[in-house]
Amino acid sequence: MSSDTSDKKPAVSDVKTSGGDQINLKVRDADGNEVQFRIKKHTPLRKLMDAYCTRKGVDLHSYRFLFDGNRINEDDTPEKLGMEDMDSIDAMLFQQGGV
């Protein structure tokens, strides 16, 4: 029985380790409304952007996503951009200029 107990303990450690690989991010629109997401640090942010747009009922390409004033590319990851837990992403409705 003690061997079963020792087998279970590493599994718990694995869960804690994988939890450290995730990050909580907030997506804020121009009205100040926020939606929080939990995503792995190495997952492309397209997944978060898709989920946000699906929740809003809009097309992915109708929004621009910014972090620290810089546009986020679909293949960027939280790790690549140096994001930390509870950082905010700005979701701006895309406006095409011209007269």
PDB file of N, CA and C in Angstrom:
ATOM      1  N   MET A   1       0.805  -1.202   0.000  1.00  0.00           N
ATOM      2  CA  MET A   1       0.000   0.000   0.000  1.00  0.00           C
ATOM      3  C   MET A   1       0.848   1.267   0.000  1.00  0.00           C
ATOM      4  N   SER A   2       1.945   1.225   0.727  1.00  0.00           N
ATOM      5  CA  SER A   2       2.781   2.415   0.767  1.00  0.00           C
ATOM      6  C   SER A   2       3.344   2.747  -0.616  1.00  0.00           C
ATOM      7  N   SER A   3       3.549   1.732  -1.451  1.00  0.00           N
ATOM      8  CA  SER A   3       4.020   2.009  -2.809  1.00  0.00           C
ATOM      9  C   SER A   3       2.942   2.704  -3.626  1.00  0.00           C
ATOM     10  N   ASP A   4       1.641   2.391  -3.381  1.00  0.00           N
ATOM     11  CA  ASP A   4       0.554   3.088  -4.063  1.00  0.00           C
ATOM     12  C   ASP A   4       0.529   4.554  -3.664  1.00  0.00           C
ATOM     13  N   THR A   5       0.754   4.821  -2.380  1.00  0.00           N
ATOM     14  CA  THR A   5       0.755   6.194  -1.898  1.00  0.00           C
ATOM     15  C   THR A   5       1.897   6.985  -2.532  1.00  0.00           C
ATOM     16  N   SER A   6       3.073   6.381  -2.619  1.00  0.00           N
ATOM     17  CA  SER A   6       4.204   7.087  -3.223  1.00  0.00           C
ATOM     18  C   SER A   6       3.990   7.289  -4.726  1.00  0.00           C
ATOM     19  N   ASP A   7       3.232   6.377  -5.363  1.00  0.00           N
ATOM     20  CA  ASP A   7       2.919   6.558  -6.775  1.00  0.00           C
ATOM     21  C   ASP A   7       2.000   7.758  -6.982  1.00  0.00           C
ATOM     22  N   LYS A   8       1.115   8.012  -6.048  1.00  0.00           N
ATOM     23  CA  LYS A   8       0.167   9.111  -6.191  1.00  0.00           C
ATOM     24  C   LYS A   8       0.823  10.467  -5.949  1.00  0.00           C
ATOM     25  N   LYS A   9       1.788  10.537  -5.055  1.00  0.00           N
ATOM     26  CA  LYS A   9       2.414  11.818  -4.730  1.00  0.00           C
ATOM     27  C   LYS A   9       3.093  12.483  -5.926  1.00  0.00           C
ATOM     28  N   PRO A  10       3.855  11.770  -6.757  1.00  0.00           N
ATOM     29  CA  PRO A  10       4.444  12.431  -7.921  1.00  0.00           C
ATOM     30  C   PRO A  10       3.389  12.982  -8.883  1.00  0.00           C
ATOM     31  N   ALA A  11       2.248  12.301  -8.978  1.00  0.00           N
ATOM     32  CA  ALA A  11       1.185  12.786  -9.854  1.00  0.00           C
ATOM     33  C   ALA A  11       0.689  14.145  -9.382  1.00  0.00           C
ATOM     34  N   VAL A  12       0.577  14.337  -8.067  1.00  0.00           N
ATOM     35  CA  VAL A  12       0.154  15.624  -7.522  1.00  0.00           C
ATOM     36  C   VAL A  12       1.198  16.686  -7.844  1.00  0.00           C
ATOM     37  N   SER A  13       2.465  16.344  -7.734  1.00  0.00           N
ATOM     38  CA  SER A  13       3.535  17.285  -8.073  1.00  0.00           C
ATOM     39  C   SER A  13       3.465  17.673  -9.549  1.00  0.00           C
ATOM     40  N   ASP A  14       3.155  16.695 -10.398  1.00  0.00           N
ATOM     41  CA  ASP A  14       3.032  16.981 -11.822  1.00  0.00           C
ATOM     42  C   ASP A  14       1.925  17.991 -12.080  1.00  0.00           C
ATOM     43  N   VAL A  15       0.824  17.869 -11.373  1.00  0.00           N
ATOM     44  CA  VAL A  15      -0.291  18.800 -11.543  1.00  0.00           C
ATOM     45  C   VAL A  15       0.146  20.201 -11.143  1.00  0.00           C
ATOM     46  N   LYS A  16       0.866  20.313 -10.038  1.00  0.00           N
ATOM     47  CA  LYS A  16       1.337  21.624  -9.599  1.00  0.00           C
ATOM     48  C   LYS A  16       2.304  22.221 -10.612  1.00  0.00           C
ATOM     49  N   THR A  17       3.166  21.403 -11.176  1.00  0.00           N
ATOM     50  CA  THR A  17       4.124  21.877 -12.170  1.00  0.00           C
ATOM     51  C   THR A  17       3.408  22.374 -13.418  1.00  0.00           C
ATOM     52  N   SER A  18       2.418  21.612 -13.883  1.00  0.00           N
ATOM     53  CA  SER A  18       1.703  22.033 -15.084  1.00  0.00           C
ATOM     54  C   SER A  18       0.881  23.283 -14.814  1.00  0.00           C
ATOM     55  N   GLY A  19       0.418  23.473 -13.557  1.00  0.00           N
ATOM     56  CA  GLY A  19      -0.315  24.681 -13.205  1.00  0.00           C
ATOM     57  C   GLY A  19       0.572  25.913 -13.324  1.00  0.00           C
ATOM     58  N   GLY A  20       1.878  25.768 -13.056  1.00  0.00           N
ATOM     59  CA  GLY A  20       2.809  26.870 -13.171  1.00  0.00           C
ATOM     60  C   GLY A  20       3.075  27.255 -14.614  1.00  0.00           C
ATOM     61  N   ASP A  21       2.669  26.416 -15.542  1.00  0.00           N
ATOM     62  CA  ASP A  21       2.847  26.671 -16.964  1.00  0.00           C
ATOM     63  C   ASP A  21       1.702  27.517 -17.518  1.00  0.00           C
ATOM     64  N   GLN A  22       0.690  27.778 -16.698  1.00  0.00           N
ATOM     65  CA  GLN A  22      -0.468  28.544 -17.155  1.00  0.00           C
ATOM     66  C   GLN A  22      -0.431  29.958 -16.601  1.00  0.00           C
ATOM     67  N   ILE A  23      -1.154  30.825 -17.273  1.00  0.00           N
ATOM     68  CA  ILE A  23      -1.182  32.232 -16.909  1.00  0.00           C
ATOM     69  C   ILE A  23      -2.615  32.738 -17.064  1.00  0.00           C
ATOM     70  N   ASN A  24      -3.036  33.626 -16.184  1.00  0.00           N
ATOM     71  CA  ASN A  24      -4.343  34.268 -16.277  1.00  0.00           C
ATOM     72  C   ASN A  24      -4.160  35.608 -16.974  1.00  0.00           C
ATOM     73  N   LEU A  25      -4.941  35.841 -18.012  1.00  0.00           N
ATOM     74  CA  LEU A  25      -4.882  37.096 -18.751  1.00  0.00           C
ATOM     75  C   LEU A  25      -6.269  37.702 -18.834  1.00  0.00           C
ATOM     76  N   LYS A  26      -6.327  39.031 -18.794  1.00  0.00           N
ATOM     77  CA  LYS A  26      -7.591  39.744 -18.931  1.00  0.00           C
ATOM     78  C   LYS A  26      -7.614  40.423 -20.293  1.00  0.00           C
ATOM     79  N   VAL A  27      -8.747  40.326 -20.972  1.00  0.00           N
ATOM     80  CA  VAL A  27      -8.937  41.039 -22.235  1.00  0.00           C
ATOM     81  C   VAL A  27      -9.958  42.134 -21.958  1.00  0.00           C
ATOM     82  N   ARG A  28      -9.570  43.380 -22.217  1.00  0.00           N
ATOM     83  CA  ARG A  28     -10.408  44.535 -21.907  1.00  0.00           C
ATOM     84  C   ARG A  28     -10.780  45.258 -23.195  1.00  0.00           C
ATOM     85  N   ASP A  29     -12.080  45.553 -23.355  1.00  0.00           N
ATOM     86  CA  ASP A  29     -12.516  46.289 -24.546  1.00  0.00           C
ATOM     87  C   ASP A  29     -12.503  47.791 -24.272  1.00  0.00           C
ATOM     88  N   ALA A  30     -12.872  48.582 -25.262  1.00  0.00           N
ATOM     89  CA  ALA A  30     -12.829  50.041 -25.157  1.00  0.00           C
ATOM     90  C   ALA A  30     -13.785  50.575 -24.096  1.00  0.00           C
ATOM     91  N   ASP A  31     -14.832  49.819 -23.773  1.00  0.00           N
ATOM     92  CA  ASP A  31     -15.794  50.238 -22.749  1.00  0.00           C
ATOM     93  C   ASP A  31     -15.347  49.859 -21.342  1.00  0.00           C
ATOM     94  N   GLY A  32     -14.217  49.181 -21.228  1.00  0.00           N
ATOM     95  CA  GLY A  32     -13.704  48.778 -19.927  1.00  0.00           C
ATOM     96  C   GLY A  32     -14.185  47.419 -19.453  1.00  0.00           C
ATOM     97  N   ASN A  33     -14.980  46.734 -20.275  1.00  0.00           N
ATOM     98  CA  ASN A  33     -15.441  45.391 -19.912  1.00  0.00           C
ATOM     99  C   ASN A  33     -14.278  44.415 -20.017  1.00  0.00           C
ATOM    100  N   GLU A  34     -14.166  43.523 -19.031  1.00  0.00           N
ATOM    101  CA  GLU A  34     -13.063  42.568 -19.019  1.00  0.00           C
ATOM    102  C   GLU A  34     -13.557  41.136 -19.055  1.00  0.00           C
ATOM    103  N   VAL A  35     -12.818  40.302 -19.766  1.00  0.00           N
ATOM    104  CA  VAL A  35     -13.053  38.861 -19.790  1.00  0.00           C
ATOM    105  C   VAL A  35     -11.716  38.224 -19.429  1.00  0.00           C
ATOM    106  N   GLN A  36     -11.755  37.288 -18.485  1.00  0.00           N
ATOM    107  CA  GLN A  36     -10.514  36.651 -18.036  1.00  0.00           C
ATOM    108  C   GLN A  36     -10.363  35.273 -18.662  1.00  0.00           C
ATOM    109  N   PHE A  37      -9.134  34.961 -19.060  1.00  0.00           N
ATOM    110  CA  PHE A  37      -8.816  33.671 -19.665  1.00  0.00           C
ATOM    111  C   PHE A  37      -7.614  33.064 -18.959  1.00  0.00           C
ATOM    112  N   ARG A  38      -7.569  31.739 -18.942  1.00  0.00           N
ATOM    113  CA  ARG A  38      -6.405  30.999 -18.440  1.00  0.00           C
ATOM    114  C   ARG A  38      -5.825  30.250 -19.637  1.00  0.00           C
ATOM    115  N   ILE A  39      -4.546  30.467 -19.891  1.00  0.00           N
ATOM    116  CA  ILE A  39      -3.910  29.918 -21.080  1.00  0.00           C
ATOM    117  C   ILE A  39      -2.485  29.485 -20.729  1.00  0.00           C
ATOM    118  N   LYS A  40      -1.996  28.484 -21.426  1.00  0.00           N
ATOM    119  CA  LYS A  40      -0.609  28.058 -21.218  1.00  0.00           C
ATOM    120  C   LYS A  40       0.328  29.098 -21.818  1.00  0.00           C
ATOM    121  N   LYS A  41       1.475  29.260 -21.195  1.00  0.00           N
ATOM    122  CA  LYS A  41       2.428  30.289 -21.614  1.00  0.00           C
ATOM    123  C   LYS A  41       2.968  30.082 -23.021  1.00  0.00           C
ATOM    124  N   HIS A  42       2.957  28.846 -23.504  1.00  0.00           N
ATOM    125  CA  HIS A  42       3.503  28.575 -24.841  1.00  0.00           C
ATOM    126  C   HIS A  42       2.415  28.381 -25.903  1.00  0.00           C
ATOM    127  N   THR A  43       1.151  28.606 -25.540  1.00  0.00           N
ATOM    128  CA  THR A  43       0.041  28.478 -26.492  1.00  0.00           C
ATOM    129  C   THR A  43      -0.082  29.762 -27.319  1.00  0.00           C
ATOM    130  N   PRO A  44      -0.193  29.657 -28.634  1.00  0.00           N
ATOM    131  CA  PRO A  44      -0.382  30.864 -29.453  1.00  0.00           C
ATOM    132  C   PRO A  44      -1.617  31.644 -28.997  1.00  0.00           C
ATOM    133  N   LEU A  45      -1.492  32.963 -28.962  1.00  0.00           N
ATOM    134  CA  LEU A  45      -2.579  33.809 -28.471  1.00  0.00           C
ATOM    135  C   LEU A  45      -3.787  33.815 -29.400  1.00  0.00           C
ATOM    136  N   ARG A  46      -3.656  33.246 -30.582  1.00  0.00           N
ATOM    137  CA  ARG A  46      -4.814  33.127 -31.475  1.00  0.00           C
ATOM    138  C   ARG A  46      -5.947  32.384 -30.774  1.00  0.00           C
ATOM    139  N   LYS A  47      -5.607  31.400 -29.962  1.00  0.00           N
ATOM    140  CA  LYS A  47      -6.619  30.625 -29.252  1.00  0.00           C
ATOM    141  C   LYS A  47      -7.426  31.527 -28.313  1.00  0.00           C
ATOM    142  N   LEU A  48      -6.751  32.395 -27.584  1.00  0.00           N
ATOM    143  CA  LEU A  48      -7.422  33.339 -26.693  1.00  0.00           C
ATOM    144  C   LEU A  48      -8.247  34.341 -27.501  1.00  0.00           C
ATOM    145  N   MET A  49      -7.684  34.845 -28.588  1.00  0.00           N
ATOM    146  CA  MET A  49      -8.380  35.829 -29.414  1.00  0.00           C
ATOM    147  C   MET A  49      -9.631  35.222 -30.049  1.00  0.00           C
ATOM    148  N   ASP A  50      -9.523  33.979 -30.520  1.00  0.00           N
ATOM    149  CA  ASP A  50     -10.689  33.276 -31.074  1.00  0.00           C
ATOM    150  C   ASP A  50     -11.779  33.120 -30.017  1.00  0.00           C
ATOM    151  N   ALA A  51     -11.381  32.709 -28.820  1.00  0.00           N
ATOM    152  CA  ALA A  51     -12.347  32.500 -27.739  1.00  0.00           C
ATOM    153  C   ALA A  51     -13.036  33.811 -27.365  1.00  0.00           C
ATOM    154  N   TYR A  52     -12.277  34.898 -27.327  1.00  0.00           N
ATOM    155  CA  TYR A  52     -12.846  36.203 -27.002  1.00  0.00           C
ATOM    156  C   TYR A  52     -13.871  36.624 -28.053  1.00  0.00           C
ATOM    157  N   CYS A  53     -13.504  36.507 -29.318  1.00  0.00           N
ATOM    158  CA  CYS A  53     -14.408  36.915 -30.401  1.00  0.00           C
ATOM    159  C   CYS A  53     -15.645  36.025 -30.465  1.00  0.00           C
ATOM    160  N   THR A  54     -15.481  34.739 -30.201  1.00  0.00           N
ATOM    161  CA  THR A  54     -16.632  33.835 -30.166  1.00  0.00           C
ATOM    162  C   THR A  54     -17.586  34.255 -29.060  1.00  0.00           C
ATOM    163  N   ARG A  55     -17.031  34.587 -27.910  1.00  0.00           N
ATOM    164  CA  ARG A  55     -17.858  35.023 -26.779  1.00  0.00           C
ATOM    165  C   ARG A  55     -18.594  36.315 -27.106  1.00  0.00           C
ATOM    166  N   LYS A  56     -17.935  37.214 -27.841  1.00  0.00           N
ATOM    167  CA  LYS A  56     -18.543  38.486 -28.226  1.00  0.00           C
ATOM    168  C   LYS A  56     -19.464  38.349 -29.442  1.00  0.00           C
ATOM    169  N   GLY A  57     -19.337  37.230 -30.174  1.00  0.00           N
ATOM    170  CA  GLY A  57     -20.154  37.017 -31.359  1.00  0.00           C
ATOM    171  C   GLY A  57     -19.701  37.845 -32.548  1.00  0.00           C
ATOM    172  N   VAL A  58     -18.384  38.056 -32.648  1.00  0.00           N
ATOM    173  CA  VAL A  58     -17.837  38.856 -33.750  1.00  0.00           C
ATOM    174  C   VAL A  58     -16.734  38.079 -34.456  1.00  0.00           C
ATOM    175  N   ASP A  59     -16.376  38.531 -35.647  1.00  0.00           N
ATOM    176  CA  ASP A  59     -15.296  37.922 -36.417  1.00  0.00           C
ATOM    177  C   ASP A  59     -13.944  38.302 -35.816  1.00  0.00           C
ATOM    178  N   LEU A  60     -13.023  37.364 -35.821  1.00  0.00           N
ATOM    179  CA  LEU A  60     -11.686  37.588 -35.270  1.00  0.00           C
ATOM    180  C   LEU A  60     -11.015  38.817 -35.877  1.00  0.00           C
ATOM    181  N   HIS A  61     -11.213  39.038 -37.160  1.00  0.00           N
ATOM    182  CA  HIS A  61     -10.519  40.127 -37.842  1.00  0.00           C
ATOM    183  C   HIS A  61     -11.189  41.487 -37.658  1.00  0.00           C
ATOM    184  N   SER A  62     -12.254  41.550 -36.856  1.00  0.00           N
ATOM    185  CA  SER A  62     -12.882  42.838 -36.583  1.00  0.00           C
ATOM    186  C   SER A  62     -12.265  43.514 -35.354  1.00  0.00           C
ATOM    187  N   TYR A  63     -11.372  42.812 -34.657  1.00  0.00           N
ATOM    188  CA  TYR A  63     -10.687  43.364 -33.483  1.00  0.00           C
ATOM    189  C   TYR A  63      -9.182  43.354 -33.682  1.00  0.00           C
ATOM    190  N   ARG A  64      -8.519  44.286 -33.035  1.00  0.00           N
ATOM    191  CA  ARG A  64      -7.066  44.310 -32.936  1.00  0.00           C
ATOM    192  C   ARG A  64      -6.747  44.142 -31.458  1.00  0.00           C
ATOM    193  N   PHE A  65      -5.797  43.286 -31.160  1.00  0.00           N
ATOM    194  CA  PHE A  65      -5.422  43.001 -29.785  1.00  0.00           C
ATOM    195  C   PHE A  65      -4.045  43.596 -29.512  1.00  0.00           C
ATOM    196  N   LEU A  66      -3.951  44.341 -28.416  1.00  0.00           N
ATOM    197  CA  LEU A  66      -2.720  45.043 -28.080  1.00  0.00           C
ATOM    198  C   LEU A  66      -2.240  44.665 -26.683  1.00  0.00           C
ATOM    199  N   PHE A  67      -0.936  44.546 -26.539  1.00  0.00           N
ATOM    200  CA  PHE A  67      -0.321  44.339 -25.232  1.00  0.00           C
ATOM    201  C   PHE A  67       0.769  45.385 -25.071  1.00  0.00           C
ATOM    202  N   ASP A  68       0.665  46.189 -24.034  1.00  0.00           N
ATOM    203  CA  ASP A  68       1.605  47.298 -23.801  1.00  0.00           C
ATOM    204  C   ASP A  68       1.713  48.200 -25.030  1.00  0.00           C
ATOM    205  N   GLY A  69       0.588  48.417 -25.708  1.00  0.00           N
ATOM    206  CA  GLY A  69       0.546  49.310 -26.862  1.00  0.00           C
ATOM    207  C   GLY A  69       1.001  48.703 -28.175  1.00  0.00           C
ATOM    208  N   ASN A  70       1.469  47.468 -28.140  1.00  0.00           N
ATOM    209  CA  ASN A  70       1.937  46.800 -29.359  1.00  0.00           C
ATOM    210  C   ASN A  70       0.932  45.754 -29.810  1.00  0.00           C
ATOM    211  N   ARG A  71       0.736  45.678 -31.124  1.00  0.00           N
ATOM    212  CA  ARG A  71      -0.220  44.720 -31.671  1.00  0.00           C
ATOM    213  C   ARG A  71       0.265  43.290 -31.460  1.00  0.00           C
ATOM    214  N   ILE A  72      -0.660  42.423 -31.081  1.00  0.00           N
ATOM    215  CA  ILE A  72      -0.360  41.010 -30.870  1.00  0.00           C
ATOM    216  C   ILE A  72      -0.608  40.265 -32.170  1.00  0.00           C
ATOM    217  N   ASN A  73       0.360  39.478 -32.600  1.00  0.00           N
ATOM    218  CA  ASN A  73       0.195  38.611 -33.766  1.00  0.00           C
ATOM    219  C   ASN A  73      -0.417  37.294 -33.318  1.00  0.00           C
ATOM    220  N   GLU A  74      -1.112  36.632 -34.221  1.00  0.00           N
ATOM    221  CA  GLU A  74      -1.812  35.393 -33.887  1.00  0.00           C
ATOM    222  C   GLU A  74      -0.874  34.301 -33.400  1.00  0.00           C
ATOM    223  N   ASP A  75       0.375  34.304 -33.861  1.00  0.00           N
ATOM    224  CA  ASP A  75       1.309  33.252 -33.453  1.00  0.00           C
ATOM    225  C   ASP A  75       2.156  33.633 -32.235  1.00  0.00           C
ATOM    226  N   ASP A  76       1.961  34.836 -31.692  1.00  0.00           N
ATOM    227  CA  ASP A  76       2.660  35.224 -30.466  1.00  0.00           C
ATOM    228  C   ASP A  76       2.165  34.377 -29.302  1.00  0.00           C
ATOM    229  N   THR A  77       3.027  34.181 -28.320  1.00  0.00           N
ATOM    230  CA  THR A  77       2.657  33.454 -27.107  1.00  0.00           C
ATOM    231  C   THR A  77       2.872  34.377 -25.911  1.00  0.00           C
ATOM    232  N   PRO A  78       2.205  34.102 -24.787  1.00  0.00           N
ATOM    233  CA  PRO A  78       2.453  34.907 -23.585  1.00  0.00           C
ATOM    234  C   PRO A  78       3.931  34.906 -23.196  1.00  0.00           C
ATOM    235  N   GLU A  79       4.574  33.756 -23.344  1.00  0.00           N
ATOM    236  CA  GLU A  79       5.991  33.639 -23.006  1.00  0.00           C
ATOM    237  C   GLU A  79       6.843  34.539 -23.903  1.00  0.00           C
ATOM    238  N   LYS A  80       6.565  34.534 -25.200  1.00  0.00           N
ATOM    239  CA  LYS A  80       7.317  35.335 -26.169  1.00  0.00           C
ATOM    240  C   LYS A  80       7.182  36.835 -25.882  1.00  0.00           C
ATOM    241  N   LEU A  81       5.987  37.252 -25.426  1.00  0.00           N
ATOM    242  CA  LEU A  81       5.737  38.670 -25.167  1.00  0.00           C
ATOM    243  C   LEU A  81       6.091  39.084 -23.743  1.00  0.00           C
ATOM    244  N   GLY A  82       6.546  38.137 -22.930  1.00  0.00           N
ATOM    245  CA  GLY A  82       6.918  38.450 -21.550  1.00  0.00           C
ATOM    246  C   GLY A  82       5.728  38.768 -20.661  1.00  0.00           C
ATOM    247  N   MET A  83       4.592  38.178 -20.964  1.00  0.00           N
ATOM    248  CA  MET A  83       3.389  38.421 -20.167  1.00  0.00           C
ATOM    249  C   MET A  83       3.497  37.740 -18.810  1.00  0.00           C
ATOM    250  N   GLU A  84       2.889  38.385 -17.818  1.00  0.00           N
ATOM    251  CA  GLU A  84       2.848  37.845 -16.471  1.00  0.00           C
ATOM    252  C   GLU A  84       1.403  37.611 -16.071  1.00  0.00           C
ATOM    253  N   ASP A  85       1.219  36.860 -15.007  1.00  0.00           N
ATOM    254  CA  ASP A  85      -0.115  36.539 -14.520  1.00  0.00           C
ATOM    255  C   ASP A  85      -0.917  37.818 -14.268  1.00  0.00           C
ATOM    256  N   MET A  86      -2.151  37.842 -14.739  1.00  0.00           N
ATOM    257  CA  MET A  86      -3.112  38.934 -14.589  1.00  0.00           C
ATOM    258  C   MET A  86      -2.779  40.170 -15.434  1.00  0.00           C
ATOM    259  N   ASP A  87      -1.926  40.035 -16.441  1.00  0.00           N
ATOM    260  CA  ASP A  87      -1.696  41.133 -17.380  1.00  0.00           C
ATOM    261  C   ASP A  87      -2.964  41.365 -18.198  1.00  0.00           C
ATOM    262  N   SER A  88      -3.088  42.574 -18.743  1.00  0.00           N
ATOM    263  CA  SER A  88      -4.260  42.932 -19.540  1.00  0.00           C
ATOM    264  C   SER A  88      -3.900  43.083 -21.011  1.00  0.00           C
ATOM    265  N   ILE A  89      -4.813  42.619 -21.844  1.00  0.00           N
ATOM    266  CA  ILE A  89      -4.727  42.778 -23.293  1.00  0.00           C
ATOM    267  C   ILE A  89      -5.872  43.696 -23.690  1.00  0.00           C
ATOM    268  N   ASP A  90      -5.589  44.691 -24.515  1.00  0.00           N
ATOM    269  CA  ASP A  90      -6.630  45.592 -24.996  1.00  0.00           C
ATOM    270  C   ASP A  90      -7.195  45.066 -26.305  1.00  0.00           C
ATOM    271  N   ALA A  91      -8.529  44.976 -26.377  1.00  0.00           N
ATOM    272  CA  ALA A  91      -9.221  44.552 -27.594  1.00  0.00           C
ATOM    273  C   ALA A  91      -9.880  45.785 -28.202  1.00  0.00           C
ATOM    274  N   MET A  92      -9.376  46.209 -29.338  1.00  0.00           N
ATOM    275  CA  MET A  92      -9.881  47.408 -30.004  1.00  0.00           C
ATOM    276  C   MET A  92     -10.599  47.035 -31.290  1.00  0.00           C
ATOM    277  N   LEU A  93     -11.774  47.589 -31.463  1.00  0.00           N
ATOM    278  CA  LEU A  93     -12.534  47.366 -32.682  1.00  0.00           C
ATOM    279  C   LEU A  93     -11.754  47.970 -33.841  1.00  0.00           C
ATOM    280  N   PHE A  94     -11.511  47.168 -34.864  1.00  0.00           N
ATOM    281  CA  PHE A  94     -10.727  47.620 -36.011  1.00  0.00           C
ATOM    282  C   PHE A  94     -11.505  48.667 -36.781  1.00  0.00           C
ATOM    283  N   GLN A  95     -10.841  49.791 -37.057  1.00  0.00           N
ATOM    284  CA  GLN A  95     -11.451  50.856 -37.845  1.00  0.00           C
ATOM    285  C   GLN A  95     -10.555  51.126 -39.040  1.00  0.00           C
ATOM    286  N   GLN A  96     -11.130  50.983 -40.212  1.00  0.00           N
ATOM    287  CA  GLN A  96     -10.363  51.232 -41.419  1.00  0.00           C
ATOM    288  C   GLN A  96     -10.539  52.690 -41.793  1.00  0.00           C
ATOM    289  N   GLY A  97      -9.421  53.384 -41.951  1.00  0.00           N
ATOM    290  CA  GLY A  97      -9.469  54.812 -42.241  1.00  0.00           C
ATOM    291  C   GLY A  97      -9.628  55.099 -43.721  1.00  0.00           C
ATOM    292  N   GLY A  98      -9.770  56.358 -44.010  1.00  0.00           N
ATOM    293  CA  GLY A  98      -9.879  56.781 -45.402  1.00  0.00           C
ATOM    294  C   GLY A  98     -11.166  57.531 -45.647  1.00  0.00           C
ATOM    295  N   VAL A  99     -11.100  58.414 -46.604  1.00  0.00           N
ATOM    296  CA  VAL A  99     -12.280  59.209 -46.920  1.00  0.00           C
ATOM    297  C   VAL A  99     -12.673  59.007 -48.359  1.00  0.00           C
TER     298      VAL A  99
END
